[in-house]
N, C-alpha and C. Protein backbone atom coordinates (compact mmCIF):
# COMPACT_ATOMS: atom_id res chain seq x y z
N MET A 1 1.20 -1.17 0.17
CA MET A 1 -0.86 -0.32 -0.11
C MET A 1 1.11 1.14 -0.37
N SER A 2 0.62 1.35 -0.47
CA SER A 2 1.09 3.51 -1.01
C SER A 2 0.87 4.74 0.13
N PHE A 3 1.78 4.91 1.26
CA PHE A 3 0.83 5.84 1.95
C PHE A 3 1.67 7.37 0.94
N ARG A 4 0.94 8.79 1.40
CA ARG A 4 1.07 9.92 1.42
C ARG A 4 1.29 10.34 2.92
N ARG A 5 2.09 11.71 2.69
CA ARG A 5 2.01 12.72 3.69
C ARG A 5 0.42 13.88 3.58
N GLY A 6 -0.04 13.59 4.37
CA GLY A 6 -1.33 14.38 5.25
C GLY A 6 -2.57 13.57 4.99
N GLN A 7 -2.15 11.81 4.41
CA GLN A 7 -3.75 11.14 4.71
C GLN A 7 -3.61 10.34 6.28
N LYS A 8 -5.81 10.31 6.18
CA LYS A 8 -6.10 10.49 7.07
C LYS A 8 -5.79 8.56 7.46
N VAL A 9 -6.04 8.20 8.10
CA VAL A 9 -5.67 6.85 8.32
C VAL A 9 -6.09 6.56 9.90
N GLU A 10 -6.21 4.94 9.94
CA GLU A 10 -6.75 4.23 11.46
C GLU A 10 -5.66 2.88 12.12
N ILE A 11 -5.86 3.04 12.64
CA ILE A 11 -4.78 2.30 13.34
C ILE A 11 -6.54 1.02 13.56
N CYS A 12 -6.35 -0.16 12.24
CA CYS A 12 -7.56 -0.80 12.45
C CYS A 12 -7.04 -1.97 12.92
N LYS A 13 -6.73 -2.61 12.77
CA LYS A 13 -5.93 -3.57 13.60
C LYS A 13 -4.48 -4.26 14.42
N LYS A 14 -3.66 -5.18 15.56
CA LYS A 14 -2.76 -4.98 16.00
C LYS A 14 -1.74 -5.87 14.63
N SER A 15 -0.19 -5.48 14.45
CA SER A 15 0.52 -5.44 13.36
C SER A 15 1.20 -6.44 14.07
N GLU A 16 1.51 -7.24 13.16
CA GLU A 16 2.15 -9.03 13.06
C GLU A 16 3.37 -8.21 12.93
N ASP A 17 3.83 -7.50 13.36
CA ASP A 17 5.53 -6.25 12.64
C ASP A 17 6.21 -6.61 14.25
N GLU A 18 7.33 -7.33 14.10
CA GLU A 18 8.16 -7.40 15.50
C GLU A 18 8.19 -5.69 16.03
N ALA A 19 7.98 -4.44 15.14
CA ALA A 19 8.06 -3.24 15.76
C ALA A 19 7.22 -3.07 16.84
N TRP A 20 5.71 -3.90 16.24
CA TRP A 20 4.70 -3.63 17.71
C TRP A 20 4.92 -4.45 19.02
N ALA A 21 4.37 -2.89 19.42
CA ALA A 21 4.33 -3.17 21.29
C ALA A 21 3.42 -3.42 22.27
N ASP A 22 3.18 -3.60 22.89
CA ASP A 22 1.83 -4.22 23.83
C ASP A 22 0.95 -2.74 24.12
N TYR A 23 2.01 -1.21 24.16
CA TYR A 23 1.91 -0.47 24.49
C TYR A 23 0.62 0.23 23.60
N MET A 24 0.78 -0.40 21.77
CA MET A 24 -0.20 0.15 20.73
C MET A 24 -0.84 0.05 20.96
N ASN A 25 -1.21 -0.74 21.76
CA ASN A 25 -1.68 -1.47 21.23
C ASN A 25 -3.87 -0.64 21.62
N GLU A 26 -3.49 0.33 22.83
CA GLU A 26 -4.18 1.44 22.61
C GLU A 26 -4.55 1.85 22.03
N PHE A 27 -3.67 2.16 20.82
CA PHE A 27 -3.69 3.37 19.29
C PHE A 27 -5.03 1.95 18.65
N ILE A 28 -5.43 0.95 18.85
CA ILE A 28 -6.34 -0.12 17.84
C ILE A 28 -7.72 1.18 18.04
N GLY A 29 -7.96 0.84 16.44
CA GLY A 29 -9.03 2.76 16.53
C GLY A 29 -8.95 4.10 17.14
N LEU A 30 -8.00 3.81 16.73
CA LEU A 30 -7.62 6.11 16.27
C LEU A 30 -7.59 6.49 15.40
N HIS A 31 -6.99 7.53 14.97
CA HIS A 31 -7.16 7.80 13.22
C HIS A 31 -5.74 9.63 14.20
N GLY A 32 -5.40 9.15 13.26
CA GLY A 32 -4.46 10.54 12.97
C GLY A 32 -4.18 10.44 11.48
N VAL A 33 -2.64 11.27 11.32
CA VAL A 33 -2.25 11.80 9.53
C VAL A 33 -1.36 11.06 9.54
N ILE A 34 -0.58 10.86 8.25
CA ILE A 34 0.34 10.13 7.93
C ILE A 34 1.64 11.65 8.32
N VAL A 35 2.36 11.72 8.73
CA VAL A 35 3.71 12.73 8.70
C VAL A 35 4.79 12.11 8.29
N ASP A 36 5.25 11.31 7.76
CA ASP A 36 6.29 11.09 6.81
C ASP A 36 5.82 9.64 6.50
N PRO A 37 5.80 9.00 5.15
CA PRO A 37 5.49 7.90 4.54
C PRO A 37 6.93 7.62 4.24
N ASP A 38 7.81 7.59 4.61
CA ASP A 38 9.24 7.12 3.67
C ASP A 38 9.29 7.29 2.32
N THR A 39 8.94 7.84 1.85
CA THR A 39 9.03 7.10 0.66
C THR A 39 9.85 6.56 -0.17
N SER A 40 10.98 7.63 0.25
CA SER A 40 12.76 7.62 -0.16
C SER A 40 13.25 6.71 -0.17
N ILE A 41 12.49 5.63 0.91
CA ILE A 41 12.87 4.44 0.74
C ILE A 41 12.38 3.23 0.31
N ASN A 42 10.81 2.83 -0.20
CA ASN A 42 10.81 2.55 -0.66
C ASN A 42 10.49 1.22 -0.31
N ASP A 43 10.04 1.30 0.56
CA ASP A 43 10.28 -0.40 1.40
C ASP A 43 9.28 -0.55 2.00
N PRO A 44 8.17 -1.70 1.54
CA PRO A 44 6.54 -2.02 1.88
C PRO A 44 6.61 -2.46 3.51
N ASP A 45 7.99 -2.68 3.61
CA ASP A 45 8.02 -3.19 5.45
C ASP A 45 8.29 -1.87 6.35
N ALA A 46 8.97 -0.69 5.17
CA ALA A 46 9.19 0.03 5.99
C ALA A 46 8.41 1.59 7.80
N LEU A 47 8.18 1.33 8.44
CA LEU A 47 7.40 2.09 9.11
C LEU A 47 7.40 2.92 9.20
N ILE A 48 6.09 3.94 9.41
CA ILE A 48 4.96 5.12 8.88
C ILE A 48 4.94 5.65 10.32
N GLU A 49 5.84 7.23 9.98
CA GLU A 49 5.65 8.45 10.76
C GLU A 49 3.66 8.87 10.70
N VAL A 50 3.45 8.42 12.24
CA VAL A 50 1.46 9.10 12.24
C VAL A 50 0.92 9.86 13.91
N SER A 51 0.75 10.79 12.86
CA SER A 51 -0.24 11.45 13.94
C SER A 51 -1.35 11.51 14.55
N LEU A 52 -1.20 11.40 15.93
CA LEU A 52 -2.32 10.60 15.97
C LEU A 52 -3.22 11.87 16.82
N ILE A 53 -4.59 11.60 17.49
CA ILE A 53 -5.17 12.40 17.73
C ILE A 53 -5.27 12.26 18.96
N ASN A 54 -4.98 13.32 19.82
CA ASN A 54 -4.35 13.21 20.83
C ASN A 54 -3.91 12.43 21.64
N LYS A 55 -2.64 12.44 20.92
CA LYS A 55 -2.37 10.62 21.44
C LYS A 55 -0.64 11.80 21.68
N GLY A 56 -0.33 12.18 19.78
CA GLY A 56 1.44 12.65 19.51
C GLY A 56 1.04 11.76 18.30
N THR A 57 2.79 11.59 18.29
CA THR A 57 3.27 10.96 16.71
C THR A 57 4.55 9.84 16.86
N PHE A 58 3.68 8.74 16.30
CA PHE A 58 4.44 7.06 16.59
C PHE A 58 5.33 6.65 15.02
N ARG A 59 6.05 6.13 15.73
CA ARG A 59 6.76 5.45 13.83
C ARG A 59 5.63 4.07 14.28
N LEU A 60 4.68 3.60 13.12
CA LEU A 60 3.82 2.63 13.51
C LEU A 60 4.64 1.61 11.61
N PRO A 61 4.15 0.16 12.31
CA PRO A 61 3.90 -0.66 10.71
C PRO A 61 3.21 -0.09 9.66
N GLN A 62 2.91 -0.87 8.73
CA GLN A 62 2.26 -0.82 7.23
C GLN A 62 0.59 -0.86 8.19
N ASP A 63 1.02 -2.63 8.40
CA ASP A 63 0.15 -3.53 7.99
C ASP A 63 -1.34 -3.20 9.14
N CYS A 64 -1.22 -2.20 10.05
CA CYS A 64 -1.78 -2.41 11.05
C CYS A 64 -2.87 -0.81 10.26
N LEU A 65 -2.55 0.46 9.87
CA LEU A 65 -2.91 1.52 8.85
C LEU A 65 -3.87 1.29 7.67
N ARG A 66 -4.78 1.21 7.77
CA ARG A 66 -6.33 1.40 7.17
C ARG A 66 -6.28 2.98 6.64
N ILE A 67 -6.48 4.02 5.36
CA ILE A 67 -6.62 4.60 4.30
C ILE A 67 -8.48 5.00 5.11
N LEU A 68 -8.44 6.18 5.36
CA LEU A 68 -10.23 7.21 5.59
C LEU A 68 -10.16 7.25 3.98
């Protein structure tokens, strides 16, 4: 999936990626905005920087994100 800066996303599920930490489970269902999609890397496994509403900015695995 290709992400662009400024896209609205939802954390729709727990990720299977090893970067997923237990504290991230509380993010499921939250909405945010893509801040840094790392398009220069062009790696589907790269983490995506997402600003979550009222939570802050986090680097999250792509398999947990759904574009709104």
